[in-house]
């Protein structure tokens, strides 16, 4: 099993968050979103683990707007 989460650990701006995935034992940390200045947060796997959904300001036209993204996993 793997855990997906959002963090601003290595970000250049406090409001810049990226998604990371890690094995449940804490090994194998991988960053899965990239780009500068984006807020990527609230990731959730689908029940069957085949998709992931998260919110992001990527593609937003107004400050504070968020979009939902769904990706095959």
PDB file of N, CA and C in Angstrom:
ATOM      1  N   UNK A   1       0.833  -1.192   0.000  1.00  0.00           N
ATOM      2  CA  UNK A   1       0.000   0.000   0.000  1.00  0.00           C
ATOM      3  C   UNK A   1       0.867   1.241   0.000  1.00  0.00           C
ATOM      4  N   UNK A   2       0.315   2.318  -0.574  1.00  0.00           N
ATOM      5  CA  UNK A   2       1.030   3.594  -0.625  1.00  0.00           C
ATOM      6  C   UNK A   2       0.131   4.686  -0.064  1.00  0.00           C
ATOM      7  N   UNK A   3       0.751   5.732   0.419  1.00  0.00           N
ATOM      8  CA  UNK A   3       0.052   6.878   0.995  1.00  0.00           C
ATOM      9  C   UNK A   3       0.334   8.086   0.120  1.00  0.00           C
ATOM     10  N   UNK A   4      -0.705   8.839  -0.210  1.00  0.00           N
ATOM     11  CA  UNK A   4      -0.534  10.070  -0.976  1.00  0.00           C
ATOM     12  C   UNK A   4      -0.878  11.243  -0.065  1.00  0.00           C
ATOM     13  N   UNK A   5      -0.082  12.307  -0.157  1.00  0.00           N
ATOM     14  CA  UNK A   5      -0.298  13.466   0.710  1.00  0.00           C
ATOM     15  C   UNK A   5       0.228  14.722   0.037  1.00  0.00           C
ATOM     16  N   UNK A   6      -0.113  15.868   0.613  1.00  0.00           N
ATOM     17  CA  UNK A   6       0.307  17.170   0.100  1.00  0.00           C
ATOM     18  C   UNK A   6       1.247  17.818   1.104  1.00  0.00           C
ATOM     19  N   UNK A   7       2.292  18.486   0.593  1.00  0.00           N
ATOM     20  CA  UNK A   7       3.258  19.147   1.474  1.00  0.00           C
ATOM     21  C   UNK A   7       3.905  20.325   0.759  1.00  0.00           C
ATOM     22  N   UNK A   8       4.349  21.298   1.556  1.00  0.00           N
ATOM     23  CA  UNK A   8       5.119  22.422   1.009  1.00  0.00           C
ATOM     24  C   UNK A   8       6.568  22.363   1.481  1.00  0.00           C
ATOM     25  N   UNK A   9       7.032  21.188   1.860  1.00  0.00           N
ATOM     26  CA  UNK A   9       8.363  20.988   2.429  1.00  0.00           C
ATOM     27  C   UNK A   9       9.486  21.584   1.592  1.00  0.00           C
ATOM     28  N   UNK A  10       9.552  21.287   0.328  1.00  0.00           N
ATOM     29  CA  UNK A  10      10.648  21.763  -0.522  1.00  0.00           C
ATOM     30  C   UNK A  10      10.224  22.897  -1.448  1.00  0.00           C
ATOM     31  N   UNK A  11       9.175  23.607  -1.085  1.00  0.00           N
ATOM     32  CA  UNK A  11       8.649  24.671  -1.931  1.00  0.00           C
ATOM     33  C   UNK A  11       9.360  25.991  -1.686  1.00  0.00           C
ATOM     34  N   UNK A  12       9.367  26.819  -2.706  1.00  0.00           N
ATOM     35  CA  UNK A  12       9.997  28.133  -2.590  1.00  0.00           C
ATOM     36  C   UNK A  12       9.040  29.175  -2.026  1.00  0.00           C
ATOM     37  N   UNK A  13       7.741  28.892  -2.042  1.00  0.00           N
ATOM     38  CA  UNK A  13       6.723  29.803  -1.509  1.00  0.00           C
ATOM     39  C   UNK A  13       5.868  29.046  -0.496  1.00  0.00           C
ATOM     40  N   UNK A  14       5.438  29.699   0.590  1.00  0.00           N
ATOM     41  CA  UNK A  14       4.632  29.003   1.604  1.00  0.00           C
ATOM     42  C   UNK A  14       3.305  28.468   1.070  1.00  0.00           C
ATOM     43  N   UNK A  15       2.761  29.094   0.033  1.00  0.00           N
ATOM     44  CA  UNK A  15       1.469  28.658  -0.508  1.00  0.00           C
ATOM     45  C   UNK A  15       1.613  27.618  -1.618  1.00  0.00           C
ATOM     46  N   UNK A  16       2.841  27.210  -1.922  1.00  0.00           N
ATOM     47  CA  UNK A  16       3.093  26.228  -2.982  1.00  0.00           C
ATOM     48  C   UNK A  16       3.136  24.833  -2.373  1.00  0.00           C
ATOM     49  N   UNK A  17       2.154  24.011  -2.713  1.00  0.00           N
ATOM     50  CA  UNK A  17       2.077  22.641  -2.206  1.00  0.00           C
ATOM     51  C   UNK A  17       2.146  21.665  -3.370  1.00  0.00           C
ATOM     52  N   UNK A  18       2.782  20.534  -3.138  1.00  0.00           N
ATOM     53  CA  UNK A  18       2.876  19.478  -4.147  1.00  0.00           C
ATOM     54  C   UNK A  18       2.428  18.160  -3.542  1.00  0.00           C
ATOM     55  N   UNK A  19       2.068  17.230  -4.412  1.00  0.00           N
ATOM     56  CA  UNK A  19       1.655  15.902  -3.978  1.00  0.00           C
ATOM     57  C   UNK A  19       2.855  14.974  -3.947  1.00  0.00           C
ATOM     58  N   UNK A  20       2.867  14.136  -2.929  1.00  0.00           N
ATOM     59  CA  UNK A  20       3.918  13.144  -2.742  1.00  0.00           C
ATOM     60  C   UNK A  20       3.263  11.807  -2.463  1.00  0.00           C
ATOM     61  N   UNK A  21       3.980  10.748  -2.784  1.00  0.00           N
ATOM     62  CA  UNK A  21       3.524   9.399  -2.483  1.00  0.00           C
ATOM     63  C   UNK A  21       4.655   8.672  -1.777  1.00  0.00           C
ATOM     64  N   UNK A  22       4.289   7.808  -0.835  1.00  0.00           N
ATOM     65  CA  UNK A  22       5.278   7.083  -0.042  1.00  0.00           C
ATOM     66  C   UNK A  22       4.702   5.710   0.316  1.00  0.00           C
ATOM     67  N   UNK A  23       5.568   4.732   0.474  1.00  0.00           N
ATOM     68  CA  UNK A  23       5.126   3.423   0.954  1.00  0.00           C
ATOM     69  C   UNK A  23       4.658   3.569   2.394  1.00  0.00           C
ATOM     70  N   UNK A  24       3.769   2.685   2.831  1.00  0.00           N
ATOM     71  CA  UNK A  24       3.228   2.820   4.179  1.00  0.00           C
ATOM     72  C   UNK A  24       4.287   2.654   5.269  1.00  0.00           C
ATOM     73  N   UNK A  25       5.447   2.093   4.933  1.00  0.00           N
ATOM     74  CA  UNK A  25       6.529   1.989   5.923  1.00  0.00           C
ATOM     75  C   UNK A  25       7.452   3.212   5.904  1.00  0.00           C
ATOM     76  N   UNK A  26       7.109   4.229   5.077  1.00  0.00           N
ATOM     77  CA  UNK A  26       7.884   5.468   5.029  1.00  0.00           C
ATOM     78  C   UNK A  26       8.991   5.488   3.989  1.00  0.00           C
ATOM     79  N   UNK A  27       9.190   4.406   3.275  1.00  0.00           N
ATOM     80  CA  UNK A  27      10.236   4.359   2.246  1.00  0.00           C
ATOM     81  C   UNK A  27       9.662   4.751   0.887  1.00  0.00           C
ATOM     82  N   UNK A  28      10.537   5.047  -0.057  1.00  0.00           N
ATOM     83  CA  UNK A  28      10.136   5.274  -1.436  1.00  0.00           C
ATOM     84  C   UNK A  28       9.408   6.582  -1.698  1.00  0.00           C
ATOM     85  N   UNK A  29       9.776   7.642  -1.004  1.00  0.00           N
ATOM     86  CA  UNK A  29       9.127   8.938  -1.198  1.00  0.00           C
ATOM     87  C   UNK A  29       9.319   9.437  -2.630  1.00  0.00           C
ATOM     88  N   UNK A  30       8.220   9.821  -3.287  1.00  0.00           N
ATOM     89  CA  UNK A  30       8.264  10.364  -4.652  1.00  0.00           C
ATOM     90  C   UNK A  30       7.374  11.594  -4.743  1.00  0.00           C
ATOM     91  N   UNK A  31       7.854  12.630  -5.392  1.00  0.00           N
ATOM     92  CA  UNK A  31       7.027  13.804  -5.680  1.00  0.00           C
ATOM     93  C   UNK A  31       6.280  13.525  -6.975  1.00  0.00           C
ATOM     94  N   UNK A  32       4.969  13.793  -7.000  1.00  0.00           N
ATOM     95  CA  UNK A  32       4.179  13.453  -8.180  1.00  0.00           C
ATOM     96  C   UNK A  32       3.566  14.661  -8.897  1.00  0.00           C
ATOM     97  N   UNK A  33       3.661  15.866  -8.326  1.00  0.00           N
ATOM     98  CA  UNK A  33       3.249  17.076  -9.047  1.00  0.00           C
ATOM     99  C   UNK A  33       4.446  18.008  -9.155  1.00  0.00           C
ATOM    100  N   UNK A  34       4.465  18.769 -10.230  1.00  0.00           N
ATOM    101  CA  UNK A  34       5.597  19.659 -10.491  1.00  0.00           C
ATOM    102  C   UNK A  34       5.082  20.995 -11.005  1.00  0.00           C
ATOM    103  N   UNK A  35       5.960  21.953 -11.129  1.00  0.00           N
ATOM    104  CA  UNK A  35       5.595  23.291 -11.564  1.00  0.00           C
ATOM    105  C   UNK A  35       5.789  24.256 -10.411  1.00  0.00           C
ATOM    106  N   UNK A  36       5.832  25.527 -10.717  1.00  0.00           N
ATOM    107  CA  UNK A  36       6.103  26.540  -9.708  1.00  0.00           C
ATOM    108  C   UNK A  36       4.843  27.331  -9.387  1.00  0.00           C
ATOM    109  N   UNK A  37       4.611  27.567  -8.106  1.00  0.00           N
ATOM    110  CA  UNK A  37       3.523  28.421  -7.669  1.00  0.00           C
ATOM    111  C   UNK A  37       2.165  27.759  -7.566  1.00  0.00           C
ATOM    112  N   UNK A  38       2.091  26.441  -7.701  1.00  0.00           N
ATOM    113  CA  UNK A  38       0.800  25.764  -7.660  1.00  0.00           C
ATOM    114  C   UNK A  38       0.467  25.254  -6.268  1.00  0.00           C
ATOM    115  N   UNK A  39      -0.819  25.277  -5.949  1.00  0.00           N
ATOM    116  CA  UNK A  39      -1.351  24.711  -4.715  1.00  0.00           C
ATOM    117  C   UNK A  39      -2.045  23.413  -5.096  1.00  0.00           C
ATOM    118  N   UNK A  40      -1.423  22.292  -4.810  1.00  0.00           N
ATOM    119  CA  UNK A  40      -1.980  20.963  -5.067  1.00  0.00           C
ATOM    120  C   UNK A  40      -2.253  20.329  -3.715  1.00  0.00           C
ATOM    121  N   UNK A  41      -3.510  19.966  -3.448  1.00  0.00           N
ATOM    122  CA  UNK A  41      -3.831  19.498  -2.101  1.00  0.00           C
ATOM    123  C   UNK A  41      -5.023  18.544  -2.101  1.00  0.00           C
ATOM    124  N   UNK A  42      -5.256  17.963  -0.938  1.00  0.00           N
ATOM    125  CA  UNK A  42      -6.407  17.107  -0.658  1.00  0.00           C
ATOM    126  C   UNK A  42      -6.487  15.889  -1.577  1.00  0.00           C
ATOM    127  N   UNK A  43      -5.377  15.187  -1.792  1.00  0.00           N
ATOM    128  CA  UNK A  43      -5.410  14.020  -2.680  1.00  0.00           C
ATOM    129  C   UNK A  43      -6.103  12.824  -2.025  1.00  0.00           C
ATOM    130  N   UNK A  44      -6.830  12.070  -2.843  1.00  0.00           N
ATOM    131  CA  UNK A  44      -7.524  10.873  -2.370  1.00  0.00           C
ATOM    132  C   UNK A  44      -7.482   9.829  -3.481  1.00  0.00           C
ATOM    133  N   UNK A  45      -7.170   8.587  -3.104  1.00  0.00           N
ATOM    134  CA  UNK A  45      -7.257   7.479  -4.051  1.00  0.00           C
ATOM    135  C   UNK A  45      -8.706   7.028  -4.164  1.00  0.00           C
ATOM    136  N   UNK A  46      -9.095   6.570  -5.350  1.00  0.00           N
ATOM    137  CA  UNK A  46     -10.410   5.949  -5.504  1.00  0.00           C
ATOM    138  C   UNK A  46     -10.415   4.651  -4.702  1.00  0.00           C
ATOM    139  N   UNK A  47     -11.608   4.152  -4.444  1.00  0.00           N
ATOM    140  CA  UNK A  47     -11.739   2.940  -3.629  1.00  0.00           C
ATOM    141  C   UNK A  47     -10.951   1.762  -4.207  1.00  0.00           C
ATOM    142  N   UNK A  48     -10.922   1.646  -5.531  1.00  0.00           N
ATOM    143  CA  UNK A  48     -10.200   0.536  -6.159  1.00  0.00           C
ATOM    144  C   UNK A  48      -8.719   0.844  -6.405  1.00  0.00           C
ATOM    145  N   UNK A  49      -8.278   2.070  -6.067  1.00  0.00           N
ATOM    146  CA  UNK A  49      -6.874   2.445  -6.215  1.00  0.00           C
ATOM    147  C   UNK A  49      -6.435   2.741  -7.640  1.00  0.00           C
ATOM    148  N   UNK A  50      -7.385   2.805  -8.574  1.00  0.00           N
ATOM    149  CA  UNK A  50      -7.030   3.017  -9.979  1.00  0.00           C
ATOM    150  C   UNK A  50      -6.999   4.484 -10.390  1.00  0.00           C
ATOM    151  N   UNK A  51      -7.523   5.361  -9.540  1.00  0.00           N
ATOM    152  CA  UNK A  51      -7.545   6.794  -9.845  1.00  0.00           C
ATOM    153  C   UNK A  51      -7.161   7.580  -8.596  1.00  0.00           C
ATOM    154  N   UNK A  52      -6.697   8.798  -8.833  1.00  0.00           N
ATOM    155  CA  UNK A  52      -6.437   9.723  -7.736  1.00  0.00           C
ATOM    156  C   UNK A  52      -7.108  11.042  -8.101  1.00  0.00           C
ATOM    157  N   UNK A  53      -7.720  11.684  -7.114  1.00  0.00           N
ATOM    158  CA  UNK A  53      -8.357  12.980  -7.317  1.00  0.00           C
ATOM    159  C   UNK A  53      -7.732  13.968  -6.344  1.00  0.00           C
ATOM    160  N   UNK A  54      -7.542  15.218  -6.796  1.00  0.00           N
ATOM    161  CA  UNK A  54      -6.991  16.252  -5.928  1.00  0.00           C
ATOM    162  C   UNK A  54      -7.455  17.613  -6.415  1.00  0.00           C
ATOM    163  N   UNK A  55      -7.308  18.617  -5.569  1.00  0.00           N
ATOM    164  CA  UNK A  55      -7.640  19.985  -5.972  1.00  0.00           C
ATOM    165  C   UNK A  55      -6.354  20.753  -6.237  1.00  0.00           C
ATOM    166  N   UNK A  56      -6.450  21.723  -7.149  1.00  0.00           N
ATOM    167  CA  UNK A  56      -5.279  22.510  -7.518  1.00  0.00           C
ATOM    168  C   UNK A  56      -5.723  23.848  -8.096  1.00  0.00           C
ATOM    169  N   UNK A  57      -4.865  24.845  -7.938  1.00  0.00           N
ATOM    170  CA  UNK A  57      -5.129  26.130  -8.583  1.00  0.00           C
ATOM    171  C   UNK A  57      -4.550  26.172 -10.000  1.00  0.00           C
ATOM    172  N   UNK A  58      -3.970  25.094 -10.449  1.00  0.00           N
ATOM    173  CA  UNK A  58      -3.451  25.016 -11.828  1.00  0.00           C
ATOM    174  C   UNK A  58      -4.612  25.234 -12.803  1.00  0.00           C
ATOM    175  N   UNK A  59      -4.440  26.160 -13.716  1.00  0.00           N
ATOM    176  CA  UNK A  59      -5.472  26.459 -14.697  1.00  0.00           C
ATOM    177  C   UNK A  59      -6.550  27.415 -14.212  1.00  0.00           C
ATOM    178  N   UNK A  60      -6.466  27.878 -12.973  1.00  0.00           N
ATOM    179  CA  UNK A  60      -7.465  28.815 -12.451  1.00  0.00           C
ATOM    180  C   UNK A  60      -7.254  30.200 -13.043  1.00  0.00           C
ATOM    181  N   UNK A  61      -8.345  30.904 -13.217  1.00  0.00           N
ATOM    182  CA  UNK A  61      -8.261  32.256 -13.768  1.00  0.00           C
ATOM    183  C   UNK A  61      -8.379  33.334 -12.702  1.00  0.00           C
ATOM    184  N   UNK A  62      -8.888  32.970 -11.511  1.00  0.00           N
ATOM    185  CA  UNK A  62      -9.019  33.939 -10.427  1.00  0.00           C
ATOM    186  C   UNK A  62      -8.337  33.408  -9.174  1.00  0.00           C
ATOM    187  N   UNK A  63      -7.742  34.308  -8.416  1.00  0.00           N
ATOM    188  CA  UNK A  63      -7.105  33.926  -7.158  1.00  0.00           C
ATOM    189  C   UNK A  63      -8.147  33.287  -6.241  1.00  0.00           C
ATOM    190  N   UNK A  64      -7.789  32.187  -5.646  1.00  0.00           N
ATOM    191  CA  UNK A  64      -8.684  31.483  -4.741  1.00  0.00           C
ATOM    192  C   UNK A  64      -9.513  30.395  -5.395  1.00  0.00           C
ATOM    193  N   UNK A  65      -9.582  30.380  -6.721  1.00  0.00           N
ATOM    194  CA  UNK A  65     -10.319  29.325  -7.415  1.00  0.00           C
ATOM    195  C   UNK A  65      -9.496  28.043  -7.435  1.00  0.00           C
ATOM    196  N   UNK A  66     -10.178  26.926  -7.273  1.00  0.00           N
ATOM    197  CA  UNK A  66      -9.526  25.619  -7.350  1.00  0.00           C
ATOM    198  C   UNK A  66     -10.247  24.762  -8.380  1.00  0.00           C
ATOM    199  N   UNK A  67      -9.524  23.875  -8.995  1.00  0.00           N
ATOM    200  CA  UNK A  67     -10.072  22.896  -9.927  1.00  0.00           C
ATOM    201  C   UNK A  67      -9.860  21.510  -9.342  1.00  0.00           C
ATOM    202  N   UNK A  68     -10.735  20.579  -9.698  1.00  0.00           N
ATOM    203  CA  UNK A  68     -10.548  19.182  -9.318  1.00  0.00           C
ATOM    204  C   UNK A  68      -9.925  18.446 -10.491  1.00  0.00           C
ATOM    205  N   UNK A  69      -8.943  17.635 -10.187  1.00  0.00           N
ATOM    206  CA  UNK A  69      -8.270  16.832 -11.203  1.00  0.00           C
ATOM    207  C   UNK A  69      -8.436  15.360 -10.854  1.00  0.00           C
ATOM    208  N   UNK A  70      -8.673  14.552 -11.873  1.00  0.00           N
ATOM    209  CA  UNK A  70      -8.774  13.099 -11.719  1.00  0.00           C
ATOM    210  C   UNK A  70      -7.776  12.479 -12.681  1.00  0.00           C
ATOM    211  N   UNK A  71      -6.943  11.596 -12.163  1.00  0.00           N
ATOM    212  CA  UNK A  71      -5.927  10.959 -13.006  1.00  0.00           C
ATOM    213  C   UNK A  71      -5.954   9.449 -12.815  1.00  0.00           C
ATOM    214  N   UNK A  72      -5.709   8.730 -13.897  1.00  0.00           N
ATOM    215  CA  UNK A  72      -5.522   7.277 -13.793  1.00  0.00           C
ATOM    216  C   UNK A  72      -4.256   7.029 -13.007  1.00  0.00           C
ATOM    217  N   UNK A  73      -4.279   5.994 -12.181  1.00  0.00           N
ATOM    218  CA  UNK A  73      -3.113   5.703 -11.371  1.00  0.00           C
ATOM    219  C   UNK A  73      -2.536   4.366 -11.732  1.00  0.00           C
TER     220      UNK A  73
END
